[in-house]
Amino acid sequence: MLIANLAGLLLIALIIWWFWLYKPKEAELDNTDRVITIENGTYAPSHVKLPAGEPLTIQFMRKDPSPCSETLLIPELQISETLPLNKLKTVQLPALKPGEYPFHCQMQMYRGLIKVDK
């Protein structure tokens, strides 16, 4: 009984860490390599840093066959794109003001963040 309780507490702690406490590393995408890969239920990198004030292009490579990974939404920019499987999809971003712009799939199971700095 004690082992089952400890296993349950450990599982609860792992869930809390994964969904609320884990912060992925932020990647700065340069002009030559702005590719975000969708694979195994995640965006990689999931947190990207981009410069403010200039139109930008980001490419998405969807390797995950899950139907949820097919749609990319960036609500604050009113962007909705369908991502083909195993092909690069180019997404044009307008000149962005400094701030944070979340992106996700249609069910918000795959999540990422674009951080724009001055």
N, C-alpha and C. Protein backbone atom coordinates (compact mmCIF):
# COMPACT_ATOMS: atom_id res chain seq x y z
N MET A 1 0.82 -1.19 0.00
CA MET A 1 0.00 0.00 0.00
C MET A 1 0.87 1.26 0.00
N LEU A 2 1.93 1.24 0.81
CA LEU A 2 2.82 2.39 0.89
C LEU A 2 3.50 2.66 -0.45
N ILE A 3 3.90 1.60 -1.14
CA ILE A 3 4.56 1.76 -2.45
C ILE A 3 3.60 2.37 -3.46
N ALA A 4 2.36 1.95 -3.46
CA ALA A 4 1.36 2.51 -4.38
C ALA A 4 1.14 3.98 -4.10
N ASN A 5 1.08 4.38 -2.83
CA ASN A 5 0.90 5.79 -2.48
C ASN A 5 2.09 6.62 -2.90
N LEU A 6 3.29 6.11 -2.67
CA LEU A 6 4.49 6.83 -3.09
C LEU A 6 4.56 6.96 -4.61
N ALA A 7 4.21 5.92 -5.31
CA ALA A 7 4.19 5.97 -6.78
C ALA A 7 3.17 7.00 -7.27
N GLY A 8 2.03 7.05 -6.62
CA GLY A 8 1.01 8.04 -6.98
C GLY A 8 1.48 9.46 -6.74
N LEU A 9 2.13 9.71 -5.62
CA LEU A 9 2.66 11.05 -5.32
C LEU A 9 3.75 11.44 -6.30
N LEU A 10 4.60 10.48 -6.66
CA LEU A 10 5.64 10.75 -7.64
C LEU A 10 5.04 11.10 -8.99
N LEU A 11 4.01 10.39 -9.39
CA LEU A 11 3.34 10.68 -10.65
C LEU A 11 2.69 12.06 -10.63
N ILE A 12 2.06 12.43 -9.54
CA ILE A 12 1.46 13.76 -9.40
C ILE A 12 2.54 14.84 -9.50
N ALA A 13 3.67 14.64 -8.82
CA ALA A 13 4.77 15.60 -8.89
C ALA A 13 5.30 15.75 -10.31
N LEU A 14 5.43 14.64 -11.02
CA LEU A 14 5.90 14.67 -12.40
C LEU A 14 4.93 15.44 -13.29
N ILE A 15 3.65 15.24 -13.13
CA ILE A 15 2.63 15.94 -13.92
C ILE A 15 2.69 17.44 -13.64
N ILE A 16 2.80 17.83 -12.38
CA ILE A 16 2.88 19.25 -12.03
C ILE A 16 4.12 19.88 -12.65
N TRP A 17 5.26 19.17 -12.56
CA TRP A 17 6.48 19.71 -13.15
C TRP A 17 6.34 19.86 -14.67
N TRP A 18 5.84 18.85 -15.35
CA TRP A 18 5.75 18.87 -16.81
C TRP A 18 4.81 19.96 -17.33
N PHE A 19 3.63 20.11 -16.72
CA PHE A 19 2.64 21.04 -17.26
C PHE A 19 2.76 22.46 -16.73
N TRP A 20 3.33 22.65 -15.54
CA TRP A 20 3.34 24.01 -14.97
C TRP A 20 4.72 24.55 -14.63
N LEU A 21 5.68 23.73 -14.33
CA LEU A 21 6.97 24.22 -13.88
C LEU A 21 8.08 24.14 -14.92
N TYR A 22 7.96 23.25 -15.89
CA TYR A 22 9.00 23.07 -16.90
C TYR A 22 9.04 24.24 -17.86
N LYS A 23 10.20 24.84 -18.05
CA LYS A 23 10.39 25.94 -18.99
C LYS A 23 11.44 25.52 -20.02
N PRO A 24 11.03 25.32 -21.28
CA PRO A 24 11.99 24.90 -22.29
C PRO A 24 12.99 26.02 -22.59
N LYS A 25 14.15 25.63 -23.09
CA LYS A 25 15.16 26.62 -23.46
C LYS A 25 14.66 27.44 -24.63
N GLU A 26 15.06 28.69 -24.63
CA GLU A 26 14.68 29.60 -25.72
C GLU A 26 15.77 29.56 -26.78
N ALA A 27 15.37 29.47 -28.03
CA ALA A 27 16.32 29.45 -29.14
C ALA A 27 16.17 30.73 -29.95
N GLU A 28 17.30 31.30 -30.30
CA GLU A 28 17.27 32.48 -31.16
C GLU A 28 17.45 32.00 -32.59
N LEU A 29 16.46 32.24 -33.43
CA LEU A 29 16.53 31.79 -34.81
C LEU A 29 17.18 32.87 -35.65
N ASP A 30 18.25 32.52 -36.36
CA ASP A 30 18.91 33.52 -37.19
C ASP A 30 18.31 33.52 -38.59
N ASN A 31 18.83 34.37 -39.43
CA ASN A 31 18.27 34.55 -40.78
C ASN A 31 18.41 33.32 -41.66
N THR A 32 19.40 32.47 -41.38
CA THR A 32 19.63 31.33 -42.25
C THR A 32 18.90 30.07 -41.80
N ASP A 33 18.48 30.03 -40.54
CA ASP A 33 17.90 28.79 -40.02
C ASP A 33 16.68 29.08 -39.16
N ARG A 34 15.59 29.38 -39.79
CA ARG A 34 14.34 29.63 -39.08
C ARG A 34 13.37 28.49 -39.33
N VAL A 35 13.74 27.31 -38.84
CA VAL A 35 12.91 26.12 -39.02
C VAL A 35 12.48 25.59 -37.66
N ILE A 36 11.18 25.40 -37.50
CA ILE A 36 10.62 24.79 -36.30
C ILE A 36 10.07 23.43 -36.73
N THR A 37 10.52 22.38 -36.05
CA THR A 37 10.11 21.01 -36.38
C THR A 37 9.01 20.56 -35.44
N ILE A 38 7.98 19.94 -35.99
CA ILE A 38 6.90 19.37 -35.19
C ILE A 38 7.10 17.86 -35.21
N GLU A 39 7.45 17.31 -34.02
CA GLU A 39 7.76 15.90 -33.95
C GLU A 39 7.54 15.40 -32.52
N ASN A 40 6.99 14.19 -32.40
CA ASN A 40 6.77 13.56 -31.09
C ASN A 40 5.96 14.43 -30.14
N GLY A 41 4.97 15.12 -30.64
CA GLY A 41 4.07 15.88 -29.79
C GLY A 41 4.58 17.23 -29.35
N THR A 42 5.66 17.74 -29.96
CA THR A 42 6.21 19.03 -29.55
C THR A 42 6.70 19.83 -30.75
N TYR A 43 6.84 21.13 -30.52
CA TYR A 43 7.54 22.01 -31.46
C TYR A 43 8.99 22.06 -30.99
N ALA A 44 9.94 22.02 -31.91
CA ALA A 44 11.35 22.12 -31.54
C ALA A 44 12.05 23.10 -32.47
N PRO A 45 12.50 24.21 -31.99
CA PRO A 45 12.36 24.70 -30.62
C PRO A 45 10.95 25.20 -30.38
N SER A 46 10.52 25.14 -29.13
CA SER A 46 9.16 25.58 -28.80
C SER A 46 9.12 27.04 -28.37
N HIS A 47 10.25 27.58 -27.95
CA HIS A 47 10.34 28.99 -27.58
C HIS A 47 11.42 29.63 -28.44
N VAL A 48 11.01 30.58 -29.27
CA VAL A 48 11.96 31.22 -30.18
C VAL A 48 12.00 32.72 -29.92
N LYS A 49 13.16 33.29 -30.19
CA LYS A 49 13.38 34.72 -29.99
C LYS A 49 13.65 35.34 -31.35
N LEU A 50 12.90 36.40 -31.68
CA LEU A 50 13.03 37.06 -32.97
C LEU A 50 13.17 38.57 -32.78
N PRO A 51 13.78 39.26 -33.74
CA PRO A 51 13.90 40.71 -33.63
C PRO A 51 12.59 41.43 -33.97
N ALA A 52 12.42 42.60 -33.40
CA ALA A 52 11.20 43.39 -33.63
C ALA A 52 11.36 44.29 -34.85
N GLY A 53 10.22 44.71 -35.39
CA GLY A 53 10.19 45.77 -36.38
C GLY A 53 10.47 45.41 -37.81
N GLU A 54 10.59 44.15 -38.15
CA GLU A 54 10.82 43.78 -39.55
C GLU A 54 10.01 42.53 -39.89
N PRO A 55 9.48 42.46 -41.11
CA PRO A 55 8.76 41.25 -41.51
C PRO A 55 9.71 40.05 -41.50
N LEU A 56 9.20 38.90 -41.08
CA LEU A 56 10.04 37.72 -40.94
C LEU A 56 9.38 36.51 -41.59
N THR A 57 10.20 35.52 -41.86
CA THR A 57 9.72 34.25 -42.39
C THR A 57 10.18 33.14 -41.46
N ILE A 58 9.26 32.25 -41.11
CA ILE A 58 9.58 31.06 -40.33
C ILE A 58 9.10 29.85 -41.13
N GLN A 59 9.88 28.79 -41.10
CA GLN A 59 9.48 27.56 -41.78
C GLN A 59 9.15 26.50 -40.73
N PHE A 60 8.11 25.74 -41.01
CA PHE A 60 7.69 24.65 -40.13
C PHE A 60 7.84 23.34 -40.89
N MET A 61 8.46 22.36 -40.24
CA MET A 61 8.60 21.02 -40.81
C MET A 61 7.81 20.06 -39.93
N ARG A 62 6.69 19.57 -40.46
CA ARG A 62 5.83 18.65 -39.70
C ARG A 62 6.24 17.22 -39.98
N LYS A 63 6.78 16.56 -38.96
CA LYS A 63 7.15 15.14 -39.06
C LYS A 63 6.20 14.27 -38.26
N ASP A 64 5.32 14.89 -37.50
CA ASP A 64 4.36 14.18 -36.64
C ASP A 64 3.08 13.92 -37.43
N PRO A 65 2.69 12.65 -37.63
CA PRO A 65 1.49 12.35 -38.43
C PRO A 65 0.17 12.61 -37.71
N SER A 66 0.23 13.00 -36.46
CA SER A 66 -0.99 13.25 -35.68
C SER A 66 -1.83 14.34 -36.35
N PRO A 67 -3.16 14.15 -36.44
CA PRO A 67 -4.02 15.17 -37.03
C PRO A 67 -3.94 16.51 -36.31
N CYS A 68 -3.66 16.48 -35.01
CA CYS A 68 -3.58 17.72 -34.25
C CYS A 68 -2.41 18.59 -34.71
N SER A 69 -1.33 17.96 -35.17
CA SER A 69 -0.15 18.73 -35.58
C SER A 69 -0.32 19.38 -36.95
N GLU A 70 -1.42 19.09 -37.61
CA GLU A 70 -1.65 19.58 -38.98
C GLU A 70 -1.94 21.08 -39.04
N THR A 71 -2.49 21.64 -37.98
CA THR A 71 -2.90 23.04 -38.00
C THR A 71 -2.01 23.87 -37.09
N LEU A 72 -1.54 25.00 -37.61
CA LEU A 72 -0.76 25.96 -36.84
C LEU A 72 -1.60 27.21 -36.66
N LEU A 73 -1.74 27.65 -35.42
CA LEU A 73 -2.49 28.88 -35.13
C LEU A 73 -1.60 29.85 -34.36
N ILE A 74 -1.59 31.10 -34.81
CA ILE A 74 -0.97 32.19 -34.06
C ILE A 74 -2.08 33.23 -33.89
N PRO A 75 -2.89 33.10 -32.84
CA PRO A 75 -4.12 33.89 -32.69
C PRO A 75 -3.91 35.40 -32.73
N GLU A 76 -2.89 35.91 -32.06
CA GLU A 76 -2.69 37.35 -32.00
C GLU A 76 -2.35 37.96 -33.36
N LEU A 77 -1.84 37.15 -34.27
CA LEU A 77 -1.50 37.62 -35.61
C LEU A 77 -2.54 37.19 -36.64
N GLN A 78 -3.58 36.51 -36.19
CA GLN A 78 -4.64 36.00 -37.04
C GLN A 78 -4.08 35.11 -38.16
N ILE A 79 -3.15 34.24 -37.77
CA ILE A 79 -2.54 33.31 -38.71
C ILE A 79 -3.06 31.91 -38.42
N SER A 80 -3.53 31.25 -39.47
CA SER A 80 -3.97 29.86 -39.41
C SER A 80 -3.43 29.18 -40.66
N GLU A 81 -2.57 28.19 -40.46
CA GLU A 81 -1.94 27.50 -41.59
C GLU A 81 -2.10 25.99 -41.45
N THR A 82 -2.25 25.33 -42.57
CA THR A 82 -2.24 23.87 -42.61
C THR A 82 -0.84 23.43 -42.96
N LEU A 83 -0.27 22.55 -42.13
CA LEU A 83 1.11 22.11 -42.32
C LEU A 83 1.13 20.74 -42.99
N PRO A 84 1.74 20.62 -44.17
CA PRO A 84 1.81 19.31 -44.84
C PRO A 84 2.80 18.40 -44.12
N LEU A 85 2.60 17.12 -44.23
CA LEU A 85 3.47 16.14 -43.59
C LEU A 85 4.77 16.00 -44.38
N ASN A 86 5.91 16.08 -43.68
CA ASN A 86 7.25 15.91 -44.24
C ASN A 86 7.61 16.89 -45.35
N LYS A 87 7.04 18.09 -45.28
CA LYS A 87 7.37 19.15 -46.23
C LYS A 87 7.50 20.46 -45.47
N LEU A 88 8.40 21.32 -45.92
CA LEU A 88 8.53 22.63 -45.29
C LEU A 88 7.35 23.52 -45.66
N LYS A 89 6.85 24.23 -44.69
CA LYS A 89 5.78 25.21 -44.92
C LYS A 89 6.30 26.56 -44.44
N THR A 90 6.31 27.53 -45.33
CA THR A 90 6.79 28.87 -45.00
C THR A 90 5.63 29.71 -44.49
N VAL A 91 5.86 30.38 -43.36
CA VAL A 91 4.85 31.25 -42.77
C VAL A 91 5.45 32.65 -42.68
N GLN A 92 4.76 33.59 -43.30
CA GLN A 92 5.19 34.99 -43.29
C GLN A 92 4.64 35.69 -42.05
N LEU A 93 5.52 36.34 -41.29
CA LEU A 93 5.10 37.13 -40.15
C LEU A 93 5.25 38.60 -40.47
N PRO A 94 4.30 39.44 -40.08
CA PRO A 94 4.45 40.87 -40.29
C PRO A 94 5.50 41.44 -39.34
N ALA A 95 5.84 42.70 -39.50
CA ALA A 95 6.74 43.36 -38.55
C ALA A 95 6.06 43.32 -37.18
N LEU A 96 6.74 42.75 -36.20
CA LEU A 96 6.14 42.54 -34.89
C LEU A 96 6.66 43.55 -33.87
N LYS A 97 5.77 43.94 -32.97
CA LYS A 97 6.15 44.78 -31.85
C LYS A 97 6.75 43.88 -30.77
N PRO A 98 7.60 44.42 -29.89
CA PRO A 98 8.12 43.60 -28.79
C PRO A 98 6.99 43.01 -27.96
N GLY A 99 7.15 41.76 -27.59
CA GLY A 99 6.13 41.07 -26.81
C GLY A 99 6.22 39.57 -27.03
N GLU A 100 5.21 38.88 -26.55
CA GLU A 100 5.16 37.43 -26.68
C GLU A 100 3.94 37.02 -27.49
N TYR A 101 4.15 36.12 -28.44
CA TYR A 101 3.11 35.66 -29.33
C TYR A 101 3.03 34.13 -29.26
N PRO A 102 2.06 33.59 -28.53
CA PRO A 102 1.94 32.13 -28.45
C PRO A 102 1.45 31.54 -29.77
N PHE A 103 1.92 30.34 -30.07
CA PHE A 103 1.39 29.59 -31.22
C PHE A 103 1.09 28.18 -30.74
N HIS A 104 0.15 27.53 -31.42
CA HIS A 104 -0.28 26.20 -30.98
C HIS A 104 -1.06 25.50 -32.08
N CYS A 105 -1.40 24.24 -31.81
CA CYS A 105 -2.24 23.48 -32.72
C CYS A 105 -3.70 23.84 -32.42
N GLN A 106 -4.61 23.24 -33.14
CA GLN A 106 -6.03 23.58 -32.97
C GLN A 106 -6.59 23.20 -31.60
N MET A 107 -6.02 22.20 -30.95
CA MET A 107 -6.51 21.78 -29.63
C MET A 107 -5.62 22.27 -28.50
N GLN A 108 -4.58 23.04 -28.83
CA GLN A 108 -3.61 23.60 -27.89
C GLN A 108 -2.83 22.51 -27.13
N MET A 109 -2.67 21.36 -27.75
CA MET A 109 -1.86 20.31 -27.15
C MET A 109 -0.38 20.51 -27.49
N TYR A 110 -0.10 21.02 -28.66
CA TYR A 110 1.24 21.40 -29.09
C TYR A 110 1.31 22.91 -28.88
N ARG A 111 2.27 23.38 -28.09
CA ARG A 111 2.34 24.82 -27.80
C ARG A 111 3.75 25.35 -27.95
N GLY A 112 3.83 26.60 -28.38
CA GLY A 112 5.11 27.28 -28.49
C GLY A 112 4.93 28.76 -28.26
N LEU A 113 6.04 29.49 -28.27
CA LEU A 113 6.00 30.92 -27.99
C LEU A 113 7.04 31.63 -28.83
N ILE A 114 6.63 32.71 -29.47
CA ILE A 114 7.55 33.60 -30.18
C ILE A 114 7.76 34.80 -29.27
N LYS A 115 9.00 35.04 -28.88
CA LYS A 115 9.32 36.21 -28.05
C LYS A 115 10.04 37.20 -28.93
N VAL A 116 9.50 38.42 -29.01
CA VAL A 116 10.06 39.45 -29.87
C VAL A 116 10.71 40.52 -28.98
N ASP A 117 12.00 40.77 -29.22
CA ASP A 117 12.75 41.76 -28.47
C ASP A 117 13.10 42.94 -29.35
N LYS A 118 13.41 44.02 -28.71
CA LYS A 118 13.81 45.26 -29.44
C LYS A 118 15.09 45.06 -30.17
